[in-house]
C-alpha atoms as a PDB file:
ATOM      1  CA  UNK A   1       0.000   0.000   0.000  1.00  0.00           C
ATOM      2  CA  UNK A   2       1.180   3.492  -0.776  1.00  0.00           C
ATOM      3  CA  UNK A   3       0.891   6.155   1.907  1.00  0.00           C
ATOM      4  CA  UNK A   4       0.708   9.738   0.691  1.00  0.00           C
ATOM      5  CA  UNK A   5       1.003  12.592   3.149  1.00  0.00           C
ATOM      6  CA  UNK A   6       0.033  16.139   2.193  1.00  0.00           C
ATOM      7  CA  UNK A   7       1.473  18.837   4.450  1.00  0.00           C
ATOM      8  CA  UNK A   8       1.010  22.570   4.765  1.00  0.00           C
ATOM      9  CA  UNK A   9       1.469  25.493   7.100  1.00  0.00           C
ATOM     10  CA  UNK A  10      -1.711  27.402   7.765  1.00  0.00           C
ATOM     11  CA  UNK A  11      -2.595  30.401   9.940  1.00  0.00           C
ATOM     12  CA  UNK A  12      -5.410  30.162  12.428  1.00  0.00           C
ATOM     13  CA  UNK A  13      -7.561  32.713  10.624  1.00  0.00           C
ATOM     14  CA  UNK A  14      -7.277  30.727   7.365  1.00  0.00           C
ATOM     15  CA  UNK A  15      -8.270  27.528   9.156  1.00  0.00           C
ATOM     16  CA  UNK A  16     -11.285  29.314  10.640  1.00  0.00           C
ATOM     17  CA  UNK A  17     -12.319  30.389   7.106  1.00  0.00           C
ATOM     18  CA  UNK A  18     -12.141  26.744   6.012  1.00  0.00           C
ATOM     19  CA  UNK A  19     -14.214  25.672   9.024  1.00  0.00           C
ATOM     20  CA  UNK A  20     -16.815  28.348   8.202  1.00  0.00           C
ATOM     21  CA  UNK A  21     -17.055  26.982   4.660  1.00  0.00           C
ATOM     22  CA  UNK A  22     -17.464  23.415   5.940  1.00  0.00           C
ATOM     23  CA  UNK A  23     -19.644  23.923   9.038  1.00  0.00           C
ATOM     24  CA  UNK A  24     -21.124  27.416   8.709  1.00  0.00           C
ATOM     25  CA  UNK A  25     -20.535  28.503  12.289  1.00  0.00           C
ATOM     26  CA  UNK A  26     -18.883  27.215  15.430  1.00  0.00           C
ATOM     27  CA  UNK A  27     -22.331  26.869  17.009  1.00  0.00           C
ATOM     28  CA  UNK A  28     -23.485  24.697  14.123  1.00  0.00           C
ATOM     29  CA  UNK A  29     -20.419  22.502  14.553  1.00  0.00           C
ATOM     30  CA  UNK A  30     -21.241  22.173  18.253  1.00  0.00           C
ATOM     31  CA  UNK A  31     -24.772  21.029  17.347  1.00  0.00           C
ATOM     32  CA  UNK A  32     -23.358  18.444  14.932  1.00  0.00           C
ATOM     33  CA  UNK A  33     -21.024  17.111  17.649  1.00  0.00           C
ATOM     34  CA  UNK A  34     -23.944  16.735  20.070  1.00  0.00           C
ATOM     35  CA  UNK A  35     -25.846  14.670  17.482  1.00  0.00           C
ATOM     36  CA  UNK A  36     -22.826  12.586  16.390  1.00  0.00           C
ATOM     37  CA  UNK A  37     -21.184  11.562  19.631  1.00  0.00           C
ATOM     38  CA  UNK A  38     -17.637  10.174  19.601  1.00  0.00           C
ATOM     39  CA  UNK A  39     -16.542  11.779  16.323  1.00  0.00           C
ATOM     40  CA  UNK A  40     -12.907  12.690  17.002  1.00  0.00           C
ATOM     41  CA  UNK A  41     -12.457  14.766  13.837  1.00  0.00           C
ATOM     42  CA  UNK A  42     -15.417  16.990  14.666  1.00  0.00           C
ATOM     43  CA  UNK A  43     -14.230  17.399  18.241  1.00  0.00           C
ATOM     44  CA  UNK A  44     -10.688  18.265  17.121  1.00  0.00           C
ATOM     45  CA  UNK A  45     -12.027  20.778  14.583  1.00  0.00           C
ATOM     46  CA  UNK A  46     -14.113  22.376  17.350  1.00  0.00           C
ATOM     47  CA  UNK A  47     -11.108  22.606  19.694  1.00  0.00           C
ATOM     48  CA  UNK A  48      -8.924  24.070  16.924  1.00  0.00           C
ATOM     49  CA  UNK A  49     -11.642  26.577  16.030  1.00  0.00           C
ATOM     50  CA  UNK A  50     -11.959  27.759  19.651  1.00  0.00           C
ATOM     51  CA  UNK A  51      -8.188  28.048  20.023  1.00  0.00           C
ATOM     52  CA  UNK A  52      -7.616  29.934  16.776  1.00  0.00           C
ATOM     53  CA  UNK A  53     -10.416  32.402  17.483  1.00  0.00           C
ATOM     54  CA  UNK A  54      -8.117  33.671  20.229  1.00  0.00           C
ATOM     55  CA  UNK A  55      -4.876  33.109  18.260  1.00  0.00           C
ATOM     56  CA  UNK A  56      -5.699  33.935  14.606  1.00  0.00           C
ATOM     57  CA  UNK A  57      -2.118  34.747  13.564  1.00  0.00           C
ATOM     58  CA  UNK A  58      -0.589  31.580  14.984  1.00  0.00           C
ATOM     59  CA  UNK A  59       0.614  29.156  12.345  1.00  0.00           C
ATOM     60  CA  UNK A  60       0.293  25.392  12.531  1.00  0.00           C
ATOM     61  CA  UNK A  61       1.480  22.445  10.481  1.00  0.00           C
ATOM     62  CA  UNK A  62      -1.378  20.429   9.114  1.00  0.00           C
ATOM     63  CA  UNK A  63      -1.150  16.947   7.639  1.00  0.00           C
ATOM     64  CA  UNK A  64      -3.601  14.981   5.588  1.00  0.00           C
ATOM     65  CA  UNK A  65      -2.861  11.330   4.954  1.00  0.00           C
ATOM     66  CA  UNK A  66      -4.249   9.539   1.937  1.00  0.00           C
ATOM     67  CA  UNK A  67      -4.054   5.757   1.867  1.00  0.00           C
ATOM     68  CA  UNK A  68      -4.681   4.354  -1.541  1.00  0.00           C
ATOM     69  CA  UNK A  69      -2.959   3.190  -4.645  1.00  0.00           C
ATOM     70  CA  UNK A  70      -3.325   6.286  -6.761  1.00  0.00           C
ATOM     71  CA  UNK A  71      -2.269   6.311 -10.349  1.00  0.00           C
ATOM     72  CA  UNK A  72       0.067   9.254 -10.269  1.00  0.00           C
ATOM     73  CA  UNK A  73       1.828  10.531 -13.371  1.00  0.00           C
ATOM     74  CA  UNK A  74       4.250  13.334 -14.118  1.00  0.00           C
ATOM     75  CA  UNK A  75       1.417  15.299 -15.730  1.00  0.00           C
ATOM     76  CA  UNK A  76      -0.493  15.024 -12.416  1.00  0.00           C
ATOM     77  CA  UNK A  77       2.469  16.554 -10.606  1.00  0.00           C
ATOM     78  CA  UNK A  78       2.679  19.299 -13.239  1.00  0.00           C
ATOM     79  CA  UNK A  79      -1.030  19.996 -12.787  1.00  0.00           C
ATOM     80  CA  UNK A  80      -0.603  20.286  -9.005  1.00  0.00           C
ATOM     81  CA  UNK A  81       2.453  22.505  -9.462  1.00  0.00           C
ATOM     82  CA  UNK A  82       0.624  24.777 -11.911  1.00  0.00           C
ATOM     83  CA  UNK A  83      -2.423  25.039  -9.642  1.00  0.00           C
ATOM     84  CA  UNK A  84      -0.250  25.783  -6.602  1.00  0.00           C
ATOM     85  CA  UNK A  85       2.083  28.301  -8.225  1.00  0.00           C
ATOM     86  CA  UNK A  86       0.001  29.970 -10.948  1.00  0.00           C
ATOM     87  CA  UNK A  87      -3.398  30.016  -9.191  1.00  0.00           C
ATOM     88  CA  UNK A  88      -5.587  29.564 -12.291  1.00  0.00           C
ATOM     89  CA  UNK A  89      -9.083  30.967 -11.950  1.00  0.00           C
ATOM     90  CA  UNK A  90     -10.707  28.178 -13.961  1.00  0.00           C
ATOM     91  CA  UNK A  91     -10.032  24.798 -15.527  1.00  0.00           C
ATOM     92  CA  UNK A  92      -9.895  26.550 -18.885  1.00  0.00           C
ATOM     93  CA  UNK A  93      -7.145  28.851 -17.656  1.00  0.00           C
ATOM     94  CA  UNK A  94      -5.287  25.847 -16.198  1.00  0.00           C
ATOM     95  CA  UNK A  95      -5.429  24.101 -19.590  1.00  0.00           C
ATOM     96  CA  UNK A  96      -4.190  27.266 -21.297  1.00  0.00           C
ATOM     97  CA  UNK A  97      -1.308  27.677 -18.827  1.00  0.00           C
ATOM     98  CA  UNK A  98      -0.278  24.079 -19.461  1.00  0.00           C
ATOM     99  CA  UNK A  99      -0.882  24.250 -23.213  1.00  0.00           C
ATOM    100  CA  UNK A 100      -3.182  21.199 -22.972  1.00  0.00           C
ATOM    101  CA  UNK A 101      -6.671  20.309 -24.159  1.00  0.00           C
ATOM    102  CA  UNK A 102      -9.404  21.355 -21.695  1.00  0.00           C
ATOM    103  CA  UNK A 103     -11.168  17.971 -21.804  1.00  0.00           C
ATOM    104  CA  UNK A 104      -7.989  16.100 -20.847  1.00  0.00           C
ATOM    105  CA  UNK A 105      -7.172  18.547 -18.054  1.00  0.00           C
ATOM    106  CA  UNK A 106     -10.744  18.354 -16.747  1.00  0.00           C
ATOM    107  CA  UNK A 107     -10.598  14.537 -16.578  1.00  0.00           C
ATOM    108  CA  UNK A 108      -7.231  14.586 -14.806  1.00  0.00           C
ATOM    109  CA  UNK A 109      -8.285  17.284 -12.325  1.00  0.00           C
ATOM    110  CA  UNK A 110     -11.513  15.410 -11.532  1.00  0.00           C
ATOM    111  CA  UNK A 111      -9.485  12.244 -10.849  1.00  0.00           C
ATOM    112  CA  UNK A 112      -7.103  14.227  -8.608  1.00  0.00           C
ATOM    113  CA  UNK A 113     -10.171  15.605  -6.805  1.00  0.00           C
ATOM    114  CA  UNK A 114     -11.575  12.095  -6.281  1.00  0.00           C
ATOM    115  CA  UNK A 115      -8.232  11.015  -4.815  1.00  0.00           C
ATOM    116  CA  UNK A 116      -8.255  13.977  -2.398  1.00  0.00           C
ATOM    117  CA  UNK A 117      -5.464  16.093  -3.893  1.00  0.00           C
ATOM    118  CA  UNK A 118      -7.435  18.955  -5.453  1.00  0.00           C
ATOM    119  CA  UNK A 119     -10.477  20.962  -4.462  1.00  0.00           C
ATOM    120  CA  UNK A 120     -12.789  22.557  -7.011  1.00  0.00           C
ATOM    121  CA  UNK A 121     -14.373  25.721  -5.662  1.00  0.00           C
ATOM    122  CA  UNK A 122     -17.313  27.282  -7.448  1.00  0.00           C
ATOM    123  CA  UNK A 123     -17.181  30.951  -8.392  1.00  0.00           C
ATOM    124  CA  UNK A 124     -20.868  31.822  -8.144  1.00  0.00           C
ATOM    125  CA  UNK A 125     -20.228  35.327  -9.494  1.00  0.00           C
ATOM    126  CA  UNK A 126     -19.040  33.826 -12.788  1.00  0.00           C
ATOM    127  CA  UNK A 127     -21.620  31.164 -13.675  1.00  0.00           C
ATOM    128  CA  UNK A 128     -20.264  28.622 -11.156  1.00  0.00           C
ATOM    129  CA  UNK A 129     -16.893  28.339 -12.893  1.00  0.00           C
ATOM    130  CA  UNK A 130     -14.803  25.696 -11.095  1.00  0.00           C
ATOM    131  CA  UNK A 131     -11.577  27.048  -9.594  1.00  0.00           C
ATOM    132  CA  UNK A 132      -8.940  24.363  -8.940  1.00  0.00           C
ATOM    133  CA  UNK A 133      -7.155  24.617  -5.579  1.00  0.00           C
ATOM    134  CA  UNK A 134      -4.188  22.722  -4.169  1.00  0.00           C
ATOM    135  CA  UNK A 135      -3.428  24.166  -0.762  1.00  0.00           C
ATOM    136  CA  UNK A 136      -0.616  21.910   0.436  1.00  0.00           C
ATOM    137  CA  UNK A 137       3.103  22.727   0.463  1.00  0.00           C
ATOM    138  CA  UNK A 138       4.603  19.243   0.476  1.00  0.00           C
ATOM    139  CA  UNK A 139       3.722  15.767  -0.761  1.00  0.00           C
ATOM    140  CA  UNK A 140       5.462  12.774   0.845  1.00  0.00           C
ATOM    141  CA  UNK A 141       5.062   9.356  -0.719  1.00  0.00           C
ATOM    142  CA  UNK A 142       5.970   6.248   1.299  1.00  0.00           C
ATOM    143  CA  UNK A 143       6.016   2.752  -0.106  1.00  0.00           C
END
């Protein structure tokens, strides 16, 4: 089995923004925890949220571990690198930056999303255009 670890440094205020996107509010998260007892992830998110409300500028290292046997190619790494460093505002712009066909890039990005590497955020102001995001600094692969 291949173990892939994604790592990043993130400030408390940025983590709170992510929590707001996921849960809406800290009170809503608390309600979810009360309904779903013994969910460690929810409880840890709640504790982090409370802490970083008082320490928004503090930076933390965050890890996400993916266990799977992903099919990972050099083009996938180039896609992640382009997303991370060029910040394309759409899949079309990503394809243009890479000088690749949009349909091929879309398929590859969707596969990377399914594997947990990429997020696709919708820009509601521009007809729900999908914005690719890769917010990690480091990828470690262990065999």
